[in-house]
Amino acid sequence: MNRFEKYFRPAIRAVACLAMLASPIAAAADTVEVAPGVQVTKRSYTAPTNEQPFFGFAAKNSEEKASDEKFVSAIIGATGSREKAFEEITMRGWRAVNTGKIREAALRFNQAYLISPEQSAVYHGLAVVAQFRFNDLDAADELFKIALKQPHPVRALRADYGRLLLIAKRPRDAQPVLEQAVKDSPDFGDAWTNLAVARFQNGDAAAACAAAEEAGKRRPTSNSGNDLMAVRNAAQCK
C-alpha cells in the first residue's frame, strides 16, 4: 500500500458509495446521433427510461413524441424563450445533483435534452447521472468529453471531469484537466483539492502542497474536506 492509498482509500470509498451500483445491461459499440454532429454510444440500464441518459435510447411512439413536444412548448411558454426554458430546467437539474437527488437530476437533464440537445450542460449533467446513478465511468467519460466540445459549458465542467478521472484512477489524465479547471474557476476550492490529489499521485508533492494551500484559502466543501486533509498528510505539507 503506497502513501496515497493509505490516506485516500476511505475518501474514495465514500465517493463510490454515492453511486447506486447498477451496471449497464447493454453497452453496444453502435452509436446514435443525439444532436447534429454528436454521436453517443448506445447504452441502457436497469431503470425507467426517463431516468436513463437520453431516455435509454428507447424508440418513442407517436403519443410519447407528442407528449415531449407539449412539454417543450409549455415550458417555453412559461419562461418566455427556449433559452430561458433551458436555463430553468438545467438549474433544477443541478439543484437535484447538489442535494443528492440523482433520479430527479436524470429527469431534468433529459428534459433539457428535449429543449436544446446541442448544449454542453445536457452532456455534463447526464455524465454525472451515468457516474453516480449507474456507476458507469466509461459512459461518464464519453459524455464529459462531448460536453467540453459543446456550446456554453458551465465553469465547473473541467473540475467535475477531473474528479471523475481521479476516481477512475487516471491521475495523469486528470492533472491537465484540473490545471485548467482552477483557471476556469479559481475560487472553487474543490477543484484545487482535486488538483492537489492529482499532483501528488503524479509524484509532485511540493506542487500538491501548493494546490492544497490554495484549496484551504477557498473553503472547500465538506465533500472534499477529507481529501484535502489526506493529501496534506500524505505529501507532508507544512
C-alpha atoms as a PDB file:
ATOM      1  CA  MET A   1       0.000   0.000   0.000  1.00  0.00           C
ATOM      2  CA  ASN A   2       1.532   3.336  -1.029  1.00  0.00           C
ATOM      3  CA  ARG A   3       1.146   6.558   0.892  1.00  0.00           C
ATOM      4  CA  PHE A   4      -1.682   7.755  -1.282  1.00  0.00           C
ATOM      5  CA  GLU A   5      -3.679   4.541  -0.839  1.00  0.00           C
ATOM      6  CA  LYS A   6      -3.185   4.699   2.914  1.00  0.00           C
ATOM      7  CA  TYR A   7      -4.636   8.179   3.170  1.00  0.00           C
ATOM      8  CA  PHE A   8      -7.132   8.269   0.340  1.00  0.00           C
ATOM      9  CA  ARG A   9      -8.784   4.866   0.305  1.00  0.00           C
ATOM     10  CA  PRO A  10     -11.520   5.936   2.799  1.00  0.00           C
ATOM     11  CA  ALA A  11     -12.294   9.053   0.770  1.00  0.00           C
ATOM     12  CA  ILE A  12     -12.524   7.103  -2.482  1.00  0.00           C
ATOM     13  CA  ARG A  13     -14.777   4.525  -0.814  1.00  0.00           C
ATOM     14  CA  ALA A  14     -17.079   7.306   0.361  1.00  0.00           C
ATOM     15  CA  VAL A  15     -17.379   8.665  -3.160  1.00  0.00           C
ATOM     16  CA  ALA A  16     -18.049   5.196  -4.547  1.00  0.00           C
ATOM     17  CA  CYS A  17     -20.887   4.703  -2.072  1.00  0.00           C
ATOM     18  CA  LEU A  18     -22.709   7.616  -3.681  1.00  0.00           C
ATOM     19  CA  ALA A  19     -23.224   5.520  -6.785  1.00  0.00           C
ATOM     20  CA  MET A  20     -26.222   3.230  -6.905  1.00  0.00           C
ATOM     21  CA  LEU A  21     -24.433   0.153  -8.127  1.00  0.00           C
ATOM     22  CA  ALA A  22     -26.242  -0.685 -11.316  1.00  0.00           C
ATOM     23  CA  SER A  23     -24.431  -1.978 -14.360  1.00  0.00           C
ATOM     24  CA  PRO A  24     -25.402  -1.289 -17.950  1.00  0.00           C
ATOM     25  CA  ILE A  25     -27.403  -4.164 -19.360  1.00  0.00           C
ATOM     26  CA  ALA A  26     -26.308  -3.175 -22.840  1.00  0.00           C
ATOM     27  CA  ALA A  27     -23.187  -1.327 -23.881  1.00  0.00           C
ATOM     28  CA  ALA A  28     -23.171  -1.920 -27.587  1.00  0.00           C
ATOM     29  CA  ALA A  29     -20.464  -0.464 -29.784  1.00  0.00           C
ATOM     30  CA  ASP A  30     -23.022   1.203 -32.052  1.00  0.00           C
ATOM     31  CA  THR A  31     -23.621   4.916 -31.671  1.00  0.00           C
ATOM     32  CA  VAL A  32     -26.642   7.172 -32.000  1.00  0.00           C
ATOM     33  CA  GLU A  33     -26.770  10.746 -33.245  1.00  0.00           C
ATOM     34  CA  VAL A  34     -28.369  12.678 -30.372  1.00  0.00           C
ATOM     35  CA  ALA A  35     -27.814  16.149 -31.839  1.00  0.00           C
ATOM     36  CA  PRO A  36     -26.457  17.406 -35.162  1.00  0.00           C
ATOM     37  CA  GLY A  37     -22.923  16.040 -35.421  1.00  0.00           C
ATOM     38  CA  VAL A  38     -22.980  14.483 -31.925  1.00  0.00           C
ATOM     39  CA  GLN A  39     -22.670  10.701 -31.661  1.00  0.00           C
ATOM     40  CA  VAL A  40     -23.100   8.866 -28.330  1.00  0.00           C
ATOM     41  CA  THR A  41     -22.522   5.185 -27.619  1.00  0.00           C
ATOM     42  CA  LYS A  42     -25.846   3.459 -27.136  1.00  0.00           C
ATOM     43  CA  ARG A  43     -26.258   2.185 -23.566  1.00  0.00           C
ATOM     44  CA  SER A  44     -29.230   1.132 -21.480  1.00  0.00           C
ATOM     45  CA  TYR A  45     -29.623   0.373 -17.783  1.00  0.00           C
ATOM     46  CA  THR A  46     -31.961  -1.331 -15.366  1.00  0.00           C
ATOM     47  CA  ALA A  47     -34.014   1.766 -14.618  1.00  0.00           C
ATOM     48  CA  PRO A  48     -37.082   3.555 -16.033  1.00  0.00           C
ATOM     49  CA  THR A  49     -36.221   5.003 -19.420  1.00  0.00           C
ATOM     50  CA  ASN A  50     -36.844   8.604 -18.353  1.00  0.00           C
ATOM     51  CA  GLU A  51     -34.203   8.152 -15.625  1.00  0.00           C
ATOM     52  CA  GLN A  52     -31.566   6.917 -18.095  1.00  0.00           C
ATOM     53  CA  PRO A  53     -29.399   9.216 -20.208  1.00  0.00           C
ATOM     54  CA  PHE A  54     -31.190  10.076 -23.449  1.00  0.00           C
ATOM     55  CA  PHE A  55     -34.212   8.105 -22.253  1.00  0.00           C
ATOM     56  CA  GLY A  56     -32.258   4.884 -22.629  1.00  0.00           C
ATOM     57  CA  PHE A  57     -32.250   5.438 -26.403  1.00  0.00           C
ATOM     58  CA  ALA A  58     -35.688   3.810 -26.459  1.00  0.00           C
ATOM     59  CA  ALA A  59     -37.807   4.299 -29.573  1.00  0.00           C
ATOM     60  CA  LYS A  60     -40.776   6.570 -28.842  1.00  0.00           C
ATOM     61  CA  ASN A  61     -44.245   6.127 -30.246  1.00  0.00           C
ATOM     62  CA  SER A  62     -46.321   8.972 -31.638  1.00  0.00           C
ATOM     63  CA  GLU A  63     -48.073   9.591 -28.326  1.00  0.00           C
ATOM     64  CA  GLU A  64     -44.770   9.889 -26.461  1.00  0.00           C
ATOM     65  CA  LYS A  65     -43.366  12.227 -29.095  1.00  0.00           C
ATOM     66  CA  ALA A  66     -46.467  14.404 -28.847  1.00  0.00           C
ATOM     67  CA  SER A  67     -46.077  14.500 -25.071  1.00  0.00           C
ATOM     68  CA  ASP A  68     -42.461  15.645 -25.441  1.00  0.00           C
ATOM     69  CA  GLU A  69     -43.486  18.396 -27.843  1.00  0.00           C
ATOM     70  CA  LYS A  70     -46.247  19.510 -25.476  1.00  0.00           C
ATOM     71  CA  PHE A  71     -43.774  19.720 -22.587  1.00  0.00           C
ATOM     72  CA  VAL A  72     -41.271  21.765 -24.599  1.00  0.00           C
ATOM     73  CA  SER A  73     -43.966  24.167 -25.815  1.00  0.00           C
ATOM     74  CA  ALA A  74     -45.338  24.579 -22.302  1.00  0.00           C
ATOM     75  CA  ILE A  75     -42.002  25.310 -20.622  1.00  0.00           C
ATOM     76  CA  ILE A  76     -41.010  27.758 -23.374  1.00  0.00           C
ATOM     77  CA  GLY A  77     -44.373  29.483 -22.984  1.00  0.00           C
ATOM     78  CA  ALA A  78     -43.970  29.661 -19.210  1.00  0.00           C
ATOM     79  CA  THR A  79     -40.431  31.049 -19.286  1.00  0.00           C
ATOM     80  CA  GLY A  80     -40.637  33.227 -22.378  1.00  0.00           C
ATOM     81  CA  SER A  81     -37.967  31.664 -24.606  1.00  0.00           C
ATOM     82  CA  ARG A  82     -36.171  28.429 -25.404  1.00  0.00           C
ATOM     83  CA  GLU A  83     -33.005  29.796 -23.789  1.00  0.00           C
ATOM     84  CA  LYS A  84     -34.780  30.656 -20.544  1.00  0.00           C
ATOM     85  CA  ALA A  85     -36.581  27.316 -20.565  1.00  0.00           C
ATOM     86  CA  PHE A  86     -33.258  25.504 -20.871  1.00  0.00           C
ATOM     87  CA  GLU A  87     -31.754  27.606 -18.088  1.00  0.00           C
ATOM     88  CA  GLU A  88     -34.686  26.869 -15.782  1.00  0.00           C
ATOM     89  CA  ILE A  89     -34.636  23.118 -16.340  1.00  0.00           C
ATOM     90  CA  THR A  90     -30.865  22.774 -16.011  1.00  0.00           C
ATOM     91  CA  MET A  91     -30.955  24.849 -12.822  1.00  0.00           C
ATOM     92  CA  ARG A  92     -33.421  22.316 -11.415  1.00  0.00           C
ATOM     93  CA  GLY A  93     -31.092  19.543 -12.559  1.00  0.00           C
ATOM     94  CA  TRP A  94     -28.042  20.987 -10.819  1.00  0.00           C
ATOM     95  CA  ARG A  95     -30.084  21.603  -7.685  1.00  0.00           C
ATOM     96  CA  ALA A  96     -31.084  17.938  -7.720  1.00  0.00           C
ATOM     97  CA  VAL A  97     -27.443  16.869  -8.151  1.00  0.00           C
ATOM     98  CA  ASN A  98     -26.318  19.074  -5.271  1.00  0.00           C
ATOM     99  CA  THR A  99     -28.953  17.612  -2.947  1.00  0.00           C
ATOM    100  CA  GLY A 100     -28.221  14.004  -3.918  1.00  0.00           C
ATOM    101  CA  LYS A 101     -31.452  13.511  -5.877  1.00  0.00           C
ATOM    102  CA  ILE A 102     -29.840  11.785  -8.836  1.00  0.00           C
ATOM    103  CA  ARG A 103     -33.064  10.258 -10.169  1.00  0.00           C
ATOM    104  CA  GLU A 104     -34.618  13.715 -10.375  1.00  0.00           C
ATOM    105  CA  ALA A 105     -31.442  15.055 -11.958  1.00  0.00           C
ATOM    106  CA  ALA A 106     -31.760  12.449 -14.711  1.00  0.00           C
ATOM    107  CA  LEU A 107     -35.326  13.528 -15.398  1.00  0.00           C
ATOM    108  CA  ARG A 108     -34.310  17.198 -15.585  1.00  0.00           C
ATOM    109  CA  PHE A 109     -31.328  16.725 -17.881  1.00  0.00           C
ATOM    110  CA  ASN A 110     -33.402  14.539 -20.178  1.00  0.00           C
ATOM    111  CA  GLN A 111     -35.926  17.373 -20.292  1.00  0.00           C
ATOM    112  CA  ALA A 112     -33.078  19.775 -21.082  1.00  0.00           C
ATOM    113  CA  TYR A 113     -32.086  17.441 -23.906  1.00  0.00           C
ATOM    114  CA  LEU A 114     -35.574  17.802 -25.389  1.00  0.00           C
ATOM    115  CA  ILE A 115     -35.300  21.586 -25.262  1.00  0.00           C
ATOM    116  CA  SER A 116     -31.764  22.149 -26.607  1.00  0.00           C
ATOM    117  CA  PRO A 117     -29.917  18.915 -27.391  1.00  0.00           C
ATOM    118  CA  GLU A 118     -26.774  20.685 -28.578  1.00  0.00           C
ATOM    119  CA  GLN A 119     -25.951  22.379 -25.266  1.00  0.00           C
ATOM    120  CA  SER A 120     -22.949  21.352 -23.138  1.00  0.00           C
ATOM    121  CA  ALA A 121     -24.959  21.166 -19.905  1.00  0.00           C
ATOM    122  CA  VAL A 122     -27.019  18.261 -21.299  1.00  0.00           C
ATOM    123  CA  TYR A 123     -23.934  16.070 -21.633  1.00  0.00           C
ATOM    124  CA  HIS A 124     -22.363  17.351 -18.420  1.00  0.00           C
ATOM    125  CA  GLY A 125     -25.491  16.615 -16.410  1.00  0.00           C
ATOM    126  CA  LEU A 126     -26.035  13.203 -17.956  1.00  0.00           C
ATOM    127  CA  ALA A 127     -22.357  12.374 -17.358  1.00  0.00           C
ATOM    128  CA  VAL A 128     -22.967  12.993 -13.661  1.00  0.00           C
ATOM    129  CA  VAL A 129     -26.033  10.738 -13.843  1.00  0.00           C
ATOM    130  CA  ALA A 130     -24.054   7.963 -15.575  1.00  0.00           C
ATOM    131  CA  GLN A 131     -21.358   8.246 -12.919  1.00  0.00           C
ATOM    132  CA  PHE A 132     -23.391   8.466  -9.732  1.00  0.00           C
ATOM    133  CA  ARG A 133     -26.617   6.680 -10.659  1.00  0.00           C
ATOM    134  CA  PHE A 134     -25.188   3.828 -12.701  1.00  0.00           C
ATOM    135  CA  ASN A 135     -21.509   3.731 -11.724  1.00  0.00           C
ATOM    136  CA  ASP A 136     -20.653   3.725 -15.436  1.00  0.00           C
ATOM    137  CA  LEU A 137     -17.351   5.593 -15.621  1.00  0.00           C
ATOM    138  CA  ASP A 138     -16.841   4.845 -19.319  1.00  0.00           C
ATOM    139  CA  ALA A 139     -20.174   6.435 -20.226  1.00  0.00           C
ATOM    140  CA  ALA A 140     -19.465   9.412 -17.982  1.00  0.00           C
ATOM    141  CA  ASP A 141     -16.034   9.870 -19.565  1.00  0.00           C
ATOM    142  CA  GLU A 142     -17.537   9.850 -23.045  1.00  0.00           C
ATOM    143  CA  LEU A 143     -20.211  12.385 -22.098  1.00  0.00           C
ATOM    144  CA  PHE A 144     -17.767  14.701 -20.332  1.00  0.00           C
ATOM    145  CA  LYS A 145     -15.596  14.755 -23.460  1.00  0.00           C
ATOM    146  CA  ILE A 146     -18.616  15.690 -25.550  1.00  0.00           C
ATOM    147  CA  ALA A 147     -19.637  18.373 -23.038  1.00  0.00           C
ATOM    148  CA  LEU A 148     -16.220  20.008 -23.457  1.00  0.00           C
ATOM    149  CA  LYS A 149     -16.913  20.489 -27.174  1.00  0.00           C
ATOM    150  CA  GLN A 150     -20.493  21.745 -26.977  1.00  0.00           C
ATOM    151  CA  PRO A 151     -21.734  25.327 -26.591  1.00  0.00           C
ATOM    152  CA  HIS A 152     -21.948  27.182 -23.292  1.00  0.00           C
ATOM    153  CA  PRO A 153     -20.178  24.852 -20.830  1.00  0.00           C
ATOM    154  CA  VAL A 154     -20.509  25.741 -17.161  1.00  0.00           C
ATOM    155  CA  ARG A 155     -17.322  26.777 -15.380  1.00  0.00           C
ATOM    156  CA  ALA A 156     -17.309  23.687 -13.147  1.00  0.00           C
ATOM    157  CA  LEU A 157     -17.185  21.280 -16.109  1.00  0.00           C
ATOM    158  CA  ARG A 158     -13.468  20.521 -16.003  1.00  0.00           C
ATOM    159  CA  ALA A 159     -13.496  20.308 -12.207  1.00  0.00           C
ATOM    160  CA  ASP A 160     -16.167  17.615 -12.399  1.00  0.00           C
ATOM    161  CA  TYR A 161     -14.419  15.807 -15.229  1.00  0.00           C
ATOM    162  CA  GLY A 162     -11.091  15.882 -13.424  1.00  0.00           C
ATOM    163  CA  ARG A 163     -12.724  14.387 -10.351  1.00  0.00           C
ATOM    164  CA  LEU A 164     -14.125  11.552 -12.462  1.00  0.00           C
ATOM    165  CA  LEU A 165     -10.665  10.831 -13.859  1.00  0.00           C
ATOM    166  CA  LEU A 166      -9.257  10.630 -10.328  1.00  0.00           C
ATOM    167  CA  ILE A 167     -11.987   8.208  -9.304  1.00  0.00           C
ATOM    168  CA  ALA A 168     -11.163   6.177 -12.423  1.00  0.00           C
ATOM    169  CA  LYS A 169      -7.516   6.070 -11.233  1.00  0.00           C
ATOM    170  CA  ARG A 170      -6.258   8.123 -14.155  1.00  0.00           C
ATOM    171  CA  PRO A 171      -4.276  10.883 -12.410  1.00  0.00           C
ATOM    172  CA  ARG A 172      -2.084  11.624 -15.426  1.00  0.00           C
ATOM    173  CA  ASP A 173      -5.169  12.360 -17.495  1.00  0.00           C
ATOM    174  CA  ALA A 174      -6.772  14.214 -14.592  1.00  0.00           C
ATOM    175  CA  GLN A 175      -3.970  16.683 -13.897  1.00  0.00           C
ATOM    176  CA  PRO A 176      -4.088  18.769 -17.104  1.00  0.00           C
ATOM    177  CA  VAL A 177      -7.882  18.866 -16.898  1.00  0.00           C
ATOM    178  CA  LEU A 178      -7.695  20.100 -13.313  1.00  0.00           C
ATOM    179  CA  GLU A 179      -4.916  22.585 -14.085  1.00  0.00           C
ATOM    180  CA  GLN A 180      -7.362  24.209 -16.486  1.00  0.00           C
ATOM    181  CA  ALA A 181     -10.248  23.781 -14.036  1.00  0.00           C
ATOM    182  CA  VAL A 182      -8.615  26.056 -11.468  1.00  0.00           C
ATOM    183  CA  LYS A 183      -8.121  28.664 -14.197  1.00  0.00           C
ATOM    184  CA  ASP A 184     -11.772  28.358 -15.218  1.00  0.00           C
ATOM    185  CA  SER A 185     -12.997  28.561 -11.604  1.00  0.00           C
ATOM    186  CA  PRO A 186     -10.170  29.936  -9.452  1.00  0.00           C
ATOM    187  CA  ASP A 187     -12.413  30.340  -6.410  1.00  0.00           C
ATOM    188  CA  PHE A 188     -13.652  26.726  -6.448  1.00  0.00           C
ATOM    189  CA  GLY A 189     -11.836  25.085  -3.540  1.00  0.00           C
ATOM    190  CA  ASP A 190     -12.779  21.544  -4.526  1.00  0.00           C
ATOM    191  CA  ALA A 191     -11.024  21.929  -7.885  1.00  0.00           C
ATOM    192  CA  TRP A 192      -7.827  22.956  -6.093  1.00  0.00           C
ATOM    193  CA  THR A 193      -8.182  19.976  -3.738  1.00  0.00           C
ATOM    194  CA  ASN A 194      -8.541  17.572  -6.640  1.00  0.00           C
ATOM    195  CA  LEU A 195      -5.577  19.187  -8.387  1.00  0.00           C
ATOM    196  CA  ALA A 196      -3.541  18.634  -5.222  1.00  0.00           C
ATOM    197  CA  VAL A 197      -4.515  14.961  -5.270  1.00  0.00           C
ATOM    198  CA  ALA A 198      -3.589  14.596  -8.950  1.00  0.00           C
ATOM    199  CA  ARG A 199      -0.243  16.312  -8.493  1.00  0.00           C
ATOM    200  CA  PHE A 200       0.588  14.108  -5.512  1.00  0.00           C
ATOM    201  CA  GLN A 201      -0.382  10.913  -7.321  1.00  0.00           C
ATOM    202  CA  ASN A 202       1.824  12.020 -10.199  1.00  0.00           C
ATOM    203  CA  GLY A 203       4.801  12.362  -7.888  1.00  0.00           C
ATOM    204  CA  ASP A 204       4.980  16.110  -7.267  1.00  0.00           C
ATOM    205  CA  ALA A 205       4.456  16.572  -3.533  1.00  0.00           C
ATOM    206  CA  ALA A 206       5.616  20.197  -3.497  1.00  0.00           C
ATOM    207  CA  ALA A 207       3.132  21.208  -6.188  1.00  0.00           C
ATOM    208  CA  ALA A 208       0.452  19.205  -4.396  1.00  0.00           C
ATOM    209  CA  CYS A 209       1.072  21.224  -1.234  1.00  0.00           C
ATOM    210  CA  ALA A 210       0.851  24.457  -3.205  1.00  0.00           C
ATOM    211  CA  ALA A 211      -2.545  23.442  -4.577  1.00  0.00           C
ATOM    212  CA  ALA A 212      -3.671  22.278  -1.136  1.00  0.00           C
ATOM    213  CA  GLU A 213      -2.763  25.692   0.282  1.00  0.00           C
ATOM    214  CA  GLU A 214      -4.880  27.368  -2.393  1.00  0.00           C
ATOM    215  CA  ALA A 215      -7.741  24.986  -1.620  1.00  0.00           C
ATOM    216  CA  GLY A 216      -7.589  25.892   2.047  1.00  0.00           C
ATOM    217  CA  LYS A 217      -7.914  29.584   1.259  1.00  0.00           C
ATOM    218  CA  ARG A 218     -11.122  28.934  -0.667  1.00  0.00           C
ATOM    219  CA  ARG A 219     -13.072  26.895   1.868  1.00  0.00           C
ATOM    220  CA  PRO A 220     -13.612  23.606   0.039  1.00  0.00           C
ATOM    221  CA  THR A 221     -16.908  21.866   0.614  1.00  0.00           C
ATOM    222  CA  SER A 222     -17.355  19.112   3.163  1.00  0.00           C
ATOM    223  CA  ASN A 223     -17.274  16.617   0.281  1.00  0.00           C
ATOM    224  CA  SER A 224     -13.589  17.331  -0.343  1.00  0.00           C
ATOM    225  CA  GLY A 225     -12.515  18.304   3.170  1.00  0.00           C
ATOM    226  CA  ASN A 226     -11.297  14.809   3.981  1.00  0.00           C
ATOM    227  CA  ASP A 227      -9.382  14.651   0.700  1.00  0.00           C
ATOM    228  CA  LEU A 228      -7.693  17.945   1.461  1.00  0.00           C
ATOM    229  CA  MET A 229      -6.596  16.756   4.906  1.00  0.00           C
ATOM    230  CA  ALA A 230      -5.414  13.454   3.452  1.00  0.00           C
ATOM    231  CA  VAL A 231      -3.311  14.985   0.688  1.00  0.00           C
ATOM    232  CA  ARG A 232      -1.719  17.399   3.150  1.00  0.00           C
ATOM    233  CA  ASN A 233      -0.780  14.495   5.398  1.00  0.00           C
ATOM    234  CA  ALA A 234       0.404  12.264   2.577  1.00  0.00           C
ATOM    235  CA  ALA A 235       2.512  14.986   0.950  1.00  0.00           C
ATOM    236  CA  GLN A 236       3.792  16.089   4.372  1.00  0.00           C
ATOM    237  CA  CYS A 237       2.788  19.670   3.723  1.00  0.00           C
ATOM    238  CA  LYS A 238       3.979  22.262   6.251  1.00  0.00           C
END
